[in-house]
Amino acid sequence: MHEYGSLYHQQATQPRLGFVSPFEKLKNVKPTVNYFRVFGCVCYVFIVDEHLSKFEKKAIRFIFVGYDEQKKGWRCCDLNTNRTYVSRNIVFDEASSWWANKAVLPDTQELLSRR
């Protein structure tokens, strides 16, 4: 979590630096932020195995938890086994959340009908 905030801080504009990022001030180049992903979104990590049949699963569903410091890749967590993996072969589903199916709050229509 610390490195996620640190990456954002390095790329965010700063008023005291003339509304440029620390990276841009140092390198005189705008930072690329296309590798930023929504923290906590669902991601699918591809299984690299030559022995998979064409009917077996090719990817496993994980939750995105950050960036790795040692390797170039994204850090993902399997909440079923509580294990963390680092991979570069990932597809992100930033529109959905891991907890979307497990709604705790009542439906919006139900709340509005109580009024």
PDB file of N, CA and C in Angstrom:
ATOM      1  N   MET A   1       0.833  -1.187   0.000  1.00  0.00           N
ATOM      2  CA  MET A   1       0.000   0.000   0.000  1.00  0.00           C
ATOM      3  C   MET A   1       0.877   1.249   0.000  1.00  0.00           C
ATOM      4  N   HIS A   2       2.007   1.180   0.680  1.00  0.00           N
ATOM      5  CA  HIS A   2       2.891   2.333   0.756  1.00  0.00           C
ATOM      6  C   HIS A   2       3.411   2.723  -0.621  1.00  0.00           C
ATOM      7  N   GLU A   3       3.841   1.733  -1.416  1.00  0.00           N
ATOM      8  CA  GLU A   3       4.405   2.046  -2.726  1.00  0.00           C
ATOM      9  C   GLU A   3       3.340   2.588  -3.676  1.00  0.00           C
ATOM     10  N   TYR A   4       2.073   2.190  -3.492  1.00  0.00           N
ATOM     11  CA  TYR A   4       0.987   2.694  -4.333  1.00  0.00           C
ATOM     12  C   TYR A   4       0.821   4.197  -4.109  1.00  0.00           C
ATOM     13  N   GLY A   5       0.794   4.612  -2.859  1.00  0.00           N
ATOM     14  CA  GLY A   5       0.683   6.030  -2.537  1.00  0.00           C
ATOM     15  C   GLY A   5       1.910   6.810  -2.957  1.00  0.00           C
ATOM     16  N   SER A   6       3.070   6.211  -2.835  1.00  0.00           N
ATOM     17  CA  SER A   6       4.307   6.867  -3.241  1.00  0.00           C
ATOM     18  C   SER A   6       4.345   7.098  -4.745  1.00  0.00           C
ATOM     19  N   LEU A   7       3.900   6.113  -5.525  1.00  0.00           N
ATOM     20  CA  LEU A   7       3.842   6.281  -6.981  1.00  0.00           C
ATOM     21  C   LEU A   7       2.890   7.405  -7.367  1.00  0.00           C
ATOM     22  N   TYR A   8       1.726   7.448  -6.702  1.00  0.00           N
ATOM     23  CA  TYR A   8       0.756   8.492  -7.006  1.00  0.00           C
ATOM     24  C   TYR A   8       1.327   9.863  -6.653  1.00  0.00           C
ATOM     25  N   HIS A   9       1.978   9.958  -5.508  1.00  0.00           N
ATOM     26  CA  HIS A   9       2.546  11.231  -5.063  1.00  0.00           C
ATOM     27  C   HIS A   9       3.608  11.737  -6.036  1.00  0.00           C
ATOM     28  N   GLN A  10       4.407  10.843  -6.586  1.00  0.00           N
ATOM     29  CA  GLN A  10       5.451  11.245  -7.529  1.00  0.00           C
ATOM     30  C   GLN A  10       4.866  11.754  -8.841  1.00  0.00           C
ATOM     31  N   GLN A  11       3.682  11.259  -9.217  1.00  0.00           N
ATOM     32  CA  GLN A  11       3.091  11.632 -10.497  1.00  0.00           C
ATOM     33  C   GLN A  11       2.087  12.780 -10.372  1.00  0.00           C
ATOM     34  N   ALA A  12       1.591  13.066  -9.168  1.00  0.00           N
ATOM     35  CA  ALA A  12       0.587  14.110  -8.975  1.00  0.00           C
ATOM     36  C   ALA A  12       1.229  15.492  -9.031  1.00  0.00           C
ATOM     37  N   THR A  13       0.441  16.455  -9.505  1.00  0.00           N
ATOM     38  CA  THR A  13       0.962  17.820  -9.591  1.00  0.00           C
ATOM     39  C   THR A  13       1.038  18.444  -8.205  1.00  0.00           C
ATOM     40  N   GLN A  14       1.994  19.323  -8.022  1.00  0.00           N
ATOM     41  CA  GLN A  14       2.234  19.977  -6.742  1.00  0.00           C
ATOM     42  C   GLN A  14       2.155  21.492  -6.927  1.00  0.00           C
ATOM     43  N   PRO A  15       1.339  22.201  -6.131  1.00  0.00           N
ATOM     44  CA  PRO A  15       1.254  23.662  -6.257  1.00  0.00           C
ATOM     45  C   PRO A  15       2.591  24.356  -5.993  1.00  0.00           C
ATOM     46  N   ARG A  16       3.365  23.853  -5.047  1.00  0.00           N
ATOM     47  CA  ARG A  16       4.633  24.511  -4.713  1.00  0.00           C
ATOM     48  C   ARG A  16       5.684  24.330  -5.806  1.00  0.00           C
ATOM     49  N   LEU A  17       5.460  23.392  -6.729  1.00  0.00           N
ATOM     50  CA  LEU A  17       6.380  23.184  -7.844  1.00  0.00           C
ATOM     51  C   LEU A  17       5.858  23.810  -9.138  1.00  0.00           C
ATOM     52  N   GLY A  18       4.854  24.678  -9.028  1.00  0.00           N
ATOM     53  CA  GLY A  18       4.292  25.292 -10.222  1.00  0.00           C
ATOM     54  C   GLY A  18       3.309  24.384 -10.929  1.00  0.00           C
ATOM     55  N   PHE A  19       2.608  23.555 -10.184  1.00  0.00           N
ATOM     56  CA  PHE A  19       1.609  22.612 -10.692  1.00  0.00           C
ATOM     57  C   PHE A  19       2.179  21.628 -11.706  1.00  0.00           C
ATOM     58  N   VAL A  20       3.379  21.170 -11.448  1.00  0.00           N
ATOM     59  CA  VAL A  20       3.961  20.055 -12.190  1.00  0.00           C
ATOM     60  C   VAL A  20       4.323  18.977 -11.178  1.00  0.00           C
ATOM     61  N   SER A  21       4.459  17.771 -11.633  1.00  0.00           N
ATOM     62  CA  SER A  21       4.784  16.670 -10.730  1.00  0.00           C
ATOM     63  C   SER A  21       6.271  16.702 -10.386  1.00  0.00           C
ATOM     64  N   PRO A  22       6.662  16.095  -9.257  1.00  0.00           N
ATOM     65  CA  PRO A  22       8.088  16.010  -8.931  1.00  0.00           C
ATOM     66  C   PRO A  22       8.885  15.304 -10.030  1.00  0.00           C
ATOM     67  N   PHE A  23       8.302  14.287 -10.651  1.00  0.00           N
ATOM     68  CA  PHE A  23       8.960  13.573 -11.745  1.00  0.00           C
ATOM     69  C   PHE A  23       9.211  14.507 -12.928  1.00  0.00           C
ATOM     70  N   GLU A  24       8.191  15.290 -13.275  1.00  0.00           N
ATOM     71  CA  GLU A  24       8.317  16.214 -14.405  1.00  0.00           C
ATOM     72  C   GLU A  24       9.323  17.318 -14.106  1.00  0.00           C
ATOM     73  N   LYS A  25       9.355  17.790 -12.876  1.00  0.00           N
ATOM     74  CA  LYS A  25      10.309  18.826 -12.482  1.00  0.00           C
ATOM     75  C   LYS A  25      11.748  18.309 -12.577  1.00  0.00           C
ATOM     76  N   LEU A  26      11.945  17.064 -12.204  1.00  0.00           N
ATOM     77  CA  LEU A  26      13.283  16.479 -12.205  1.00  0.00           C
ATOM     78  C   LEU A  26      13.763  16.105 -13.612  1.00  0.00           C
ATOM     79  N   LYS A  27      12.877  15.502 -14.411  1.00  0.00           N
ATOM     80  CA  LYS A  27      13.271  14.956 -15.717  1.00  0.00           C
ATOM     81  C   LYS A  27      12.891  15.836 -16.909  1.00  0.00           C
ATOM     82  N   ASN A  28      12.066  16.866 -16.692  1.00  0.00           N
ATOM     83  CA  ASN A  28      11.546  17.727 -17.767  1.00  0.00           C
ATOM     84  C   ASN A  28      10.745  16.944 -18.803  1.00  0.00           C
ATOM     85  N   VAL A  29      10.092  15.879 -18.367  1.00  0.00           N
ATOM     86  CA  VAL A  29       9.238  15.053 -19.220  1.00  0.00           C
ATOM     87  C   VAL A  29       7.971  14.731 -18.435  1.00  0.00           C
ATOM     88  N   LYS A  30       6.811  14.811 -19.089  1.00  0.00           N
ATOM     89  CA  LYS A  30       5.575  14.447 -18.406  1.00  0.00           C
ATOM     90  C   LYS A  30       5.585  12.955 -18.083  1.00  0.00           C
ATOM     91  N   PRO A  31       5.145  12.588 -16.872  1.00  0.00           N
ATOM     92  CA  PRO A  31       5.149  11.166 -16.506  1.00  0.00           C
ATOM     93  C   PRO A  31       4.040  10.408 -17.232  1.00  0.00           C
ATOM     94  N   THR A  32       4.286   9.167 -17.533  1.00  0.00           N
ATOM     95  CA  THR A  32       3.257   8.311 -18.114  1.00  0.00           C
ATOM     96  C   THR A  32       2.528   7.588 -16.982  1.00  0.00           C
ATOM     97  N   VAL A  33       1.232   7.684 -16.988  1.00  0.00           N
ATOM     98  CA  VAL A  33       0.433   7.084 -15.920  1.00  0.00           C
ATOM     99  C   VAL A  33      -0.522   6.023 -16.471  1.00  0.00           C
ATOM    100  N   ASN A  34      -0.260   5.535 -17.675  1.00  0.00           N
ATOM    101  CA  ASN A  34      -1.164   4.545 -18.258  1.00  0.00           C
ATOM    102  C   ASN A  34      -1.052   3.181 -17.586  1.00  0.00           C
ATOM    103  N   TYR A  35      -0.079   2.979 -16.714  1.00  0.00           N
ATOM    104  CA  TYR A  35       0.020   1.721 -15.975  1.00  0.00           C
ATOM    105  C   TYR A  35      -0.724   1.790 -14.645  1.00  0.00           C
ATOM    106  N   PHE A  36      -1.275   2.955 -14.276  1.00  0.00           N
ATOM    107  CA  PHE A  36      -2.060   3.054 -13.045  1.00  0.00           C
ATOM    108  C   PHE A  36      -3.352   2.261 -13.206  1.00  0.00           C
ATOM    109  N   ARG A  37      -3.729   1.557 -12.171  1.00  0.00           N
ATOM    110  CA  ARG A  37      -4.955   0.773 -12.166  1.00  0.00           C
ATOM    111  C   ARG A  37      -5.761   1.120 -10.922  1.00  0.00           C
ATOM    112  N   VAL A  38      -7.050   0.804 -10.950  1.00  0.00           N
ATOM    113  CA  VAL A  38      -7.934   1.066  -9.819  1.00  0.00           C
ATOM    114  C   VAL A  38      -7.613   0.072  -8.709  1.00  0.00           C
ATOM    115  N   PHE A  39      -7.237   0.585  -7.548  1.00  0.00           N
ATOM    116  CA  PHE A  39      -6.881  -0.261  -6.415  1.00  0.00           C
ATOM    117  C   PHE A  39      -8.110  -1.035  -5.951  1.00  0.00           C
ATOM    118  N   GLY A  40      -7.994  -2.341  -5.831  1.00  0.00           N
ATOM    119  CA  GLY A  40      -9.093  -3.179  -5.368  1.00  0.00           C
ATOM    120  C   GLY A  40      -9.990  -3.711  -6.469  1.00  0.00           C
ATOM    121  N   CYS A  41      -9.658  -3.429  -7.725  1.00  0.00           N
ATOM    122  CA  CYS A  41     -10.499  -3.924  -8.822  1.00  0.00           C
ATOM    123  C   CYS A  41     -10.216  -5.401  -9.085  1.00  0.00           C
ATOM    124  N   VAL A  42     -11.117  -6.025  -9.802  1.00  0.00           N
ATOM    125  CA  VAL A  42     -10.956  -7.430 -10.178  1.00  0.00           C
ATOM    126  C   VAL A  42      -9.964  -7.522 -11.324  1.00  0.00           C
ATOM    127  N   CYS A  43      -9.094  -8.509 -11.260  1.00  0.00           N
ATOM    128  CA  CYS A  43      -8.167  -8.752 -12.364  1.00  0.00           C
ATOM    129  C   CYS A  43      -8.070 -10.252 -12.597  1.00  0.00           C
ATOM    130  N   TYR A  44      -7.706 -10.598 -13.798  1.00  0.00           N
ATOM    131  CA  TYR A  44      -7.592 -12.000 -14.192  1.00  0.00           C
ATOM    132  C   TYR A  44      -6.155 -12.282 -14.586  1.00  0.00           C
ATOM    133  N   VAL A  45      -5.511 -13.173 -13.849  1.00  0.00           N
ATOM    134  CA  VAL A  45      -4.120 -13.537 -14.104  1.00  0.00           C
ATOM    135  C   VAL A  45      -4.114 -14.791 -14.971  1.00  0.00           C
ATOM    136  N   PHE A  46      -3.426 -14.714 -16.102  1.00  0.00           N
ATOM    137  CA  PHE A  46      -3.371 -15.839 -17.027  1.00  0.00           C
ATOM    138  C   PHE A  46      -2.438 -16.927 -16.516  1.00  0.00           C
ATOM    139  N   ILE A  47      -2.848 -18.162 -16.702  1.00  0.00           N
ATOM    140  CA  ILE A  47      -2.057 -19.327 -16.322  1.00  0.00           C
ATOM    141  C   ILE A  47      -1.187 -19.697 -17.514  1.00  0.00           C
ATOM    142  N   VAL A  48       0.106 -19.752 -17.295  1.00  0.00           N
ATOM    143  CA  VAL A  48       1.028 -20.123 -18.364  1.00  0.00           C
ATOM    144  C   VAL A  48       1.380 -21.597 -18.181  1.00  0.00           C
ATOM    145  N   ASP A  49       0.732 -22.430 -18.957  1.00  0.00           N
ATOM    146  CA  ASP A  49       0.991 -23.866 -18.888  1.00  0.00           C
ATOM    147  C   ASP A  49       0.707 -24.471 -20.254  1.00  0.00           C
ATOM    148  N   GLU A  50       1.688 -25.128 -20.805  1.00  0.00           N
ATOM    149  CA  GLU A  50       1.547 -25.717 -22.130  1.00  0.00           C
ATOM    150  C   GLU A  50       0.647 -26.947 -22.113  1.00  0.00           C
ATOM    151  N   HIS A  51       0.402 -27.516 -20.950  1.00  0.00           N
ATOM    152  CA  HIS A  51      -0.332 -28.772 -20.860  1.00  0.00           C
ATOM    153  C   HIS A  51      -1.821 -28.573 -20.570  1.00  0.00           C
ATOM    154  N   LEU A  52      -2.311 -27.348 -20.635  1.00  0.00           N
ATOM    155  CA  LEU A  52      -3.730 -27.116 -20.422  1.00  0.00           C
ATOM    156  C   LEU A  52      -4.517 -27.555 -21.648  1.00  0.00           C
ATOM    157  N   SER A  53      -5.645 -28.198 -21.405  1.00  0.00           N
ATOM    158  CA  SER A  53      -6.504 -28.531 -22.538  1.00  0.00           C
ATOM    159  C   SER A  53      -7.313 -27.292 -22.906  1.00  0.00           C
ATOM    160  N   LYS A  54      -7.972 -27.327 -24.042  1.00  0.00           N
ATOM    161  CA  LYS A  54      -8.670 -26.125 -24.483  1.00  0.00           C
ATOM    162  C   LYS A  54      -9.939 -25.853 -23.683  1.00  0.00           C
ATOM    163  N   PHE A  55     -10.367 -26.787 -22.836  1.00  0.00           N
ATOM    164  CA  PHE A  55     -11.555 -26.577 -22.028  1.00  0.00           C
ATOM    165  C   PHE A  55     -11.232 -26.194 -20.581  1.00  0.00           C
ATOM    166  N   GLU A  56      -9.982 -26.163 -20.221  1.00  0.00           N
ATOM    167  CA  GLU A  56      -9.594 -25.781 -18.863  1.00  0.00           C
ATOM    168  C   GLU A  56      -9.523 -24.263 -18.736  1.00  0.00           C
ATOM    169  N   LYS A  57      -9.607 -23.792 -17.485  1.00  0.00           N
ATOM    170  CA  LYS A  57      -9.518 -22.355 -17.234  1.00  0.00           C
ATOM    171  C   LYS A  57      -8.145 -21.841 -17.629  1.00  0.00           C
ATOM    172  N   LYS A  58      -8.130 -20.693 -18.273  1.00  0.00           N
ATOM    173  CA  LYS A  58      -6.869 -20.088 -18.706  1.00  0.00           C
ATOM    174  C   LYS A  58      -6.462 -18.922 -17.803  1.00  0.00           C
ATOM    175  N   ALA A  59      -7.379 -18.498 -16.923  1.00  0.00           N
ATOM    176  CA  ALA A  59      -7.088 -17.376 -16.033  1.00  0.00           C
ATOM    177  C   ALA A  59      -7.775 -17.603 -14.690  1.00  0.00           C
ATOM    178  N   ILE A  60      -7.231 -16.961 -13.670  1.00  0.00           N
ATOM    179  CA  ILE A  60      -7.773 -17.044 -12.317  1.00  0.00           C
ATOM    180  C   ILE A  60      -8.155 -15.637 -11.874  1.00  0.00           C
ATOM    181  N   ARG A  61      -9.275 -15.530 -11.174  1.00  0.00           N
ATOM    182  CA  ARG A  61      -9.776 -14.232 -10.712  1.00  0.00           C
ATOM    183  C   ARG A  61      -9.059 -13.825  -9.426  1.00  0.00           C
ATOM    184  N   PHE A  62      -8.509 -12.604  -9.424  1.00  0.00           N
ATOM    185  CA  PHE A  62      -7.798 -12.049  -8.277  1.00  0.00           C
ATOM    186  C   PHE A  62      -8.302 -10.641  -8.004  1.00  0.00           C
ATOM    187  N   ILE A  63      -7.745 -10.030  -6.966  1.00  0.00           N
ATOM    188  CA  ILE A  63      -7.999  -8.626  -6.670  1.00  0.00           C
ATOM    189  C   ILE A  63      -6.665  -7.884  -6.750  1.00  0.00           C
ATOM    190  N   PHE A  64      -6.683  -6.717  -7.379  1.00  0.00           N
ATOM    191  CA  PHE A  64      -5.464  -5.931  -7.556  1.00  0.00           C
ATOM    192  C   PHE A  64      -5.131  -5.207  -6.256  1.00  0.00           C
ATOM    193  N   VAL A  65      -3.889  -5.395  -5.761  1.00  0.00           N
ATOM    194  CA  VAL A  65      -3.498  -4.782  -4.489  1.00  0.00           C
ATOM    195  C   VAL A  65      -2.268  -3.892  -4.588  1.00  0.00           C
ATOM    196  N   GLY A  66      -1.690  -3.719  -5.766  1.00  0.00           N
ATOM    197  CA  GLY A  66      -0.564  -2.793  -5.861  1.00  0.00           C
ATOM    198  C   GLY A  66       0.478  -3.201  -6.879  1.00  0.00           C
ATOM    199  N   TYR A  67       1.627  -2.564  -6.757  1.00  0.00           N
ATOM    200  CA  TYR A  67       2.742  -2.766  -7.675  1.00  0.00           C
ATOM    201  C   TYR A  67       3.895  -3.407  -6.919  1.00  0.00           C
ATOM    202  N   ASP A  68       4.670  -4.209  -7.607  1.00  0.00           N
ATOM    203  CA  ASP A  68       5.796  -4.872  -6.965  1.00  0.00           C
ATOM    204  C   ASP A  68       7.037  -3.991  -7.029  1.00  0.00           C
ATOM    205  N   GLU A  69       7.833  -4.007  -5.965  1.00  0.00           N
ATOM    206  CA  GLU A  69       9.042  -3.183  -5.911  1.00  0.00           C
ATOM    207  C   GLU A  69      10.246  -3.861  -6.561  1.00  0.00           C
ATOM    208  N   GLN A  70      10.319  -5.195  -6.497  1.00  0.00           N
ATOM    209  CA  GLN A  70      11.477  -5.905  -7.032  1.00  0.00           C
ATOM    210  C   GLN A  70      11.341  -6.242  -8.514  1.00  0.00           C
ATOM    211  N   LYS A  71      10.150  -6.617  -8.950  1.00  0.00           N
ATOM    212  CA  LYS A  71       9.931  -7.038 -10.330  1.00  0.00           C
ATOM    213  C   LYS A  71       8.966  -6.079 -11.016  1.00  0.00           C
ATOM    214  N   LYS A  72       9.020  -6.050 -12.335  1.00  0.00           N
ATOM    215  CA  LYS A  72       8.066  -5.260 -13.089  1.00  0.00           C
ATOM    216  C   LYS A  72       6.793  -6.082 -13.218  1.00  0.00           C
ATOM    217  N   GLY A  73       5.761  -5.669 -12.529  1.00  0.00           N
ATOM    218  CA  GLY A  73       4.509  -6.407 -12.566  1.00  0.00           C
ATOM    219  C   GLY A  73       3.534  -5.868 -11.544  1.00  0.00           C
ATOM    220  N   TRP A  74       2.331  -6.400 -11.586  1.00  0.00           N
ATOM    221  CA  TRP A  74       1.278  -5.999 -10.671  1.00  0.00           C
ATOM    222  C   TRP A  74       1.127  -7.055  -9.593  1.00  0.00           C
ATOM    223  N   ARG A  75       0.832  -6.614  -8.385  1.00  0.00           N
ATOM    224  CA  ARG A  75       0.639  -7.521  -7.261  1.00  0.00           C
ATOM    225  C   ARG A  75      -0.856  -7.786  -7.108  1.00  0.00           C
ATOM    226  N   CYS A  76      -1.213  -9.061  -7.078  1.00  0.00           N
ATOM    227  CA  CYS A  76      -2.609  -9.474  -6.982  1.00  0.00           C
ATOM    228  C   CYS A  76      -2.767 -10.445  -5.824  1.00  0.00           C
ATOM    229  N   CYS A  77      -3.946 -10.449  -5.246  1.00  0.00           N
ATOM    230  CA  CYS A  77      -4.204 -11.299  -4.088  1.00  0.00           C
ATOM    231  C   CYS A  77      -5.401 -12.199  -4.370  1.00  0.00           C
ATOM    232  N   ASP A  78      -5.266 -13.454  -4.010  1.00  0.00           N
ATOM    233  CA  ASP A  78      -6.373 -14.403  -4.072  1.00  0.00           C
ATOM    234  C   ASP A  78      -6.992 -14.427  -2.682  1.00  0.00           C
ATOM    235  N   LEU A  79      -8.187 -13.877  -2.542  1.00  0.00           N
ATOM    236  CA  LEU A  79      -8.809 -13.785  -1.224  1.00  0.00           C
ATOM    237  C   LEU A  79      -9.312 -15.133  -0.719  1.00  0.00           C
ATOM    238  N   ASN A  80      -9.421 -16.111  -1.592  1.00  0.00           N
ATOM    239  CA  ASN A  80      -9.838 -17.447  -1.152  1.00  0.00           C
ATOM    240  C   ASN A  80      -8.709 -18.166  -0.422  1.00  0.00           C
ATOM    241  N   THR A  81      -7.467 -17.954  -0.869  1.00  0.00           N
ATOM    242  CA  THR A  81      -6.323 -18.622  -0.244  1.00  0.00           C
ATOM    243  C   THR A  81      -5.431 -17.661   0.537  1.00  0.00           C
ATOM    244  N   ASN A  82      -5.692 -16.353   0.454  1.00  0.00           N
ATOM    245  CA  ASN A  82      -4.893 -15.304   1.101  1.00  0.00           C
ATOM    246  C   ASN A  82      -3.435 -15.329   0.660  1.00  0.00           C
ATOM    247  N   ARG A  83      -3.192 -15.648  -0.608  1.00  0.00           N
ATOM    248  CA  ARG A  83      -1.839 -15.634  -1.168  1.00  0.00           C
ATOM    249  C   ARG A  83      -1.726 -14.480  -2.141  1.00  0.00           C
ATOM    250  N   THR A  84      -0.526 -13.894  -2.203  1.00  0.00           N
ATOM    251  CA  THR A  84      -0.256 -12.775  -3.097  1.00  0.00           C
ATOM    252  C   THR A  84       0.672 -13.234  -4.208  1.00  0.00           C
ATOM    253  N   TYR A  85       0.374 -12.801  -5.424  1.00  0.00           N
ATOM    254  CA  TYR A  85       1.163 -13.157  -6.597  1.00  0.00           C
ATOM    255  C   TYR A  85       1.561 -11.890  -7.339  1.00  0.00           C
ATOM    256  N   VAL A  86       2.656 -11.967  -8.085  1.00  0.00           N
ATOM    257  CA  VAL A  86       3.092 -10.879  -8.955  1.00  0.00           C
ATOM    258  C   VAL A  86       3.100 -11.412 -10.377  1.00  0.00           C
ATOM    259  N   SER A  87       2.452 -10.675 -11.271  1.00  0.00           N
ATOM    260  CA  SER A  87       2.385 -11.119 -12.658  1.00  0.00           C
ATOM    261  C   SER A  87       2.336  -9.916 -13.582  1.00  0.00           C
ATOM    262  N   ARG A  88       2.786 -10.124 -14.815  1.00  0.00           N
ATOM    263  CA  ARG A  88       2.696  -9.096 -15.849  1.00  0.00           C
ATOM    264  C   ARG A  88       1.625  -9.441 -16.871  1.00  0.00           C
ATOM    265  N   ASN A  89       1.134 -10.675 -16.838  1.00  0.00           N
ATOM    266  CA  ASN A  89       0.161 -11.151 -17.807  1.00  0.00           C
ATOM    267  C   ASN A  89      -1.232 -11.108 -17.184  1.00  0.00           C
ATOM    268  N   ILE A  90      -1.814  -9.902 -17.149  1.00  0.00           N
ATOM    269  CA  ILE A  90      -3.054  -9.662 -16.419  1.00  0.00           C
ATOM    270  C   ILE A  90      -4.016  -8.862 -17.288  1.00  0.00           C
ATOM    271  N   VAL A  91      -5.308  -9.145 -17.115  1.00  0.00           N
ATOM    272  CA  VAL A  91      -6.365  -8.319 -17.694  1.00  0.00           C
ATOM    273  C   VAL A  91      -7.145  -7.739 -16.521  1.00  0.00           C
ATOM    274  N   PHE A  92      -7.333  -6.416 -16.523  1.00  0.00           N
ATOM    275  CA  PHE A  92      -8.021  -5.729 -15.435  1.00  0.00           C
ATOM    276  C   PHE A  92      -9.471  -5.467 -15.812  1.00  0.00           C
ATOM    277  N   ASP A  93     -10.356  -5.669 -14.855  1.00  0.00           N
ATOM    278  CA  ASP A  93     -11.763  -5.310 -14.997  1.00  0.00           C
ATOM    279  C   ASP A  93     -12.023  -4.212 -13.975  1.00  0.00           C
ATOM    280  N   GLU A  94     -11.680  -2.983 -14.339  1.00  0.00           N
ATOM    281  CA  GLU A  94     -11.746  -1.871 -13.397  1.00  0.00           C
ATOM    282  C   GLU A  94     -13.170  -1.436 -13.090  1.00  0.00           C
ATOM    283  N   ALA A  95     -14.139  -1.881 -13.883  1.00  0.00           N
ATOM    284  CA  ALA A  95     -15.529  -1.499 -13.657  1.00  0.00           C
ATOM    285  C   ALA A  95     -16.193  -2.357 -12.587  1.00  0.00           C
ATOM    286  N   SER A  96     -15.615  -3.501 -12.268  1.00  0.00           N
ATOM    287  CA  SER A  96     -16.241  -4.368 -11.276  1.00  0.00           C
ATOM    288  C   SER A  96     -15.374  -4.476 -10.030  1.00  0.00           C
ATOM    289  N   SER A  97     -16.039  -4.809  -8.940  1.00  0.00           N
ATOM    290  CA  SER A  97     -15.360  -4.947  -7.659  1.00  0.00           C
ATOM    291  C   SER A  97     -15.487  -6.389  -7.181  1.00  0.00           C
ATOM    292  N   TRP A  98     -14.542  -6.822  -6.391  1.00  0.00           N
ATOM    293  CA  TRP A  98     -14.570  -8.174  -5.833  1.00  0.00           C
ATOM    294  C   TRP A  98     -15.811  -8.373  -4.972  1.00  0.00           C
ATOM    295  N   TRP A  99     -16.232  -7.327  -4.295  1.00  0.00           N
ATOM    296  CA  TRP A  99     -17.333  -7.413  -3.349  1.00  0.00           C
ATOM    297  C   TRP A  99     -18.673  -7.040  -3.966  1.00  0.00           C
ATOM    298  N   ALA A 100     -18.753  -6.860  -5.277  1.00  0.00           N
ATOM    299  CA  ALA A 100     -19.993  -6.428  -5.922  1.00  0.00           C
ATOM    300  C   ALA A 100     -21.108  -7.454  -5.740  1.00  0.00           C
ATOM    301  N   ASN A 101     -20.799  -8.730  -5.742  1.00  0.00           N
ATOM    302  CA  ASN A 101     -21.817  -9.770  -5.618  1.00  0.00           C
ATOM    303  C   ASN A 101     -22.279  -9.954  -4.180  1.00  0.00           C
ATOM    304  N   LYS A 102     -21.507  -9.493  -3.230  1.00  0.00           N
ATOM    305  CA  LYS A 102     -21.800  -9.711  -1.819  1.00  0.00           C
ATOM    306  C   LYS A 102     -22.315  -8.423  -1.183  1.00  0.00           C
ATOM    307  N   ALA A 103     -23.426  -7.928  -1.696  1.00  0.00           N
ATOM    308  CA  ALA A 103     -23.968  -6.657  -1.217  1.00  0.00           C
ATOM    309  C   ALA A 103     -24.489  -6.816   0.210  1.00  0.00           C
ATOM    310  N   VAL A 104     -24.105  -5.892   1.059  1.00  0.00           N
ATOM    311  CA  VAL A 104     -24.553  -5.893   2.445  1.00  0.00           C
ATOM    312  C   VAL A 104     -25.735  -4.948   2.607  1.00  0.00           C
ATOM    313  N   LEU A 105     -25.719  -3.870   1.851  1.00  0.00           N
ATOM    314  CA  LEU A 105     -26.785  -2.882   1.933  1.00  0.00           C
ATOM    315  C   LEU A 105     -27.995  -3.329   1.127  1.00  0.00           C
ATOM    316  N   PRO A 106     -29.215  -2.896   1.536  1.00  0.00           N
ATOM    317  CA  PRO A 106     -30.396  -3.239   0.753  1.00  0.00           C
ATOM    318  C   PRO A 106     -30.376  -2.541  -0.607  1.00  0.00           C
ATOM    319  N   ASP A 107     -31.195  -3.029  -1.501  1.00  0.00           N
ATOM    320  CA  ASP A 107     -31.285  -2.489  -2.847  1.00  0.00           C
ATOM    321  C   ASP A 107     -31.745  -1.030  -2.802  1.00  0.00           C
ATOM    322  N   THR A 108     -31.322  -0.223  -3.767  1.00  0.00           N
ATOM    323  CA  THR A 108     -31.679   1.196  -3.822  1.00  0.00           C
ATOM    324  C   THR A 108     -33.182   1.374  -3.964  1.00  0.00           C
ATOM    325  N   GLN A 109     -33.824   0.555  -4.779  1.00  0.00           N
ATOM    326  CA  GLN A 109     -35.276   0.656  -4.960  1.00  0.00           C
ATOM    327  C   GLN A 109     -36.004   0.392  -3.644  1.00  0.00           C
ATOM    328  N   GLU A 110     -35.485  -0.535  -2.859  1.00  0.00           N
ATOM    329  CA  GLU A 110     -36.095  -0.844  -1.572  1.00  0.00           C
ATOM    330  C   GLU A 110     -35.974   0.344  -0.623  1.00  0.00           C
ATOM    331  N   LEU A 111     -34.841   1.022  -0.633  1.00  0.00           N
ATOM    332  CA  LEU A 111     -34.656   2.197   0.217  1.00  0.00           C
ATOM    333  C   LEU A 111     -35.584   3.328  -0.195  1.00  0.00           C
ATOM    334  N   LEU A 112     -35.750   3.532  -1.497  1.00  0.00           N
ATOM    335  CA  LEU A 112     -36.614   4.607  -1.985  1.00  0.00           C
ATOM    336  C   LEU A 112     -38.081   4.310  -1.727  1.00  0.00           C
ATOM    337  N   SER A 113     -38.487   3.057  -1.734  1.00  0.00           N
ATOM    338  CA  SER A 113     -39.895   2.710  -1.519  1.00  0.00           C
ATOM    339  C   SER A 113     -40.302   2.891  -0.058  1.00  0.00           C
ATOM    340  N   ARG A 114     -39.358   2.946   0.849  1.00  0.00           N
ATOM    341  CA  ARG A 114     -39.662   3.129   2.276  1.00  0.00           C
ATOM    342  C   ARG A 114     -40.046   4.563   2.593  1.00  0.00           C
ATOM    343  N   ARG A 115     -39.732   5.495   1.717  1.00  0.00           N
ATOM    344  CA  ARG A 115     -40.009   6.919   1.981  1.00  0.00           C
ATOM    345  C   ARG A 115     -41.441   7.231   1.934  1.00  0.00           C
TER     346      ARG A 115
END
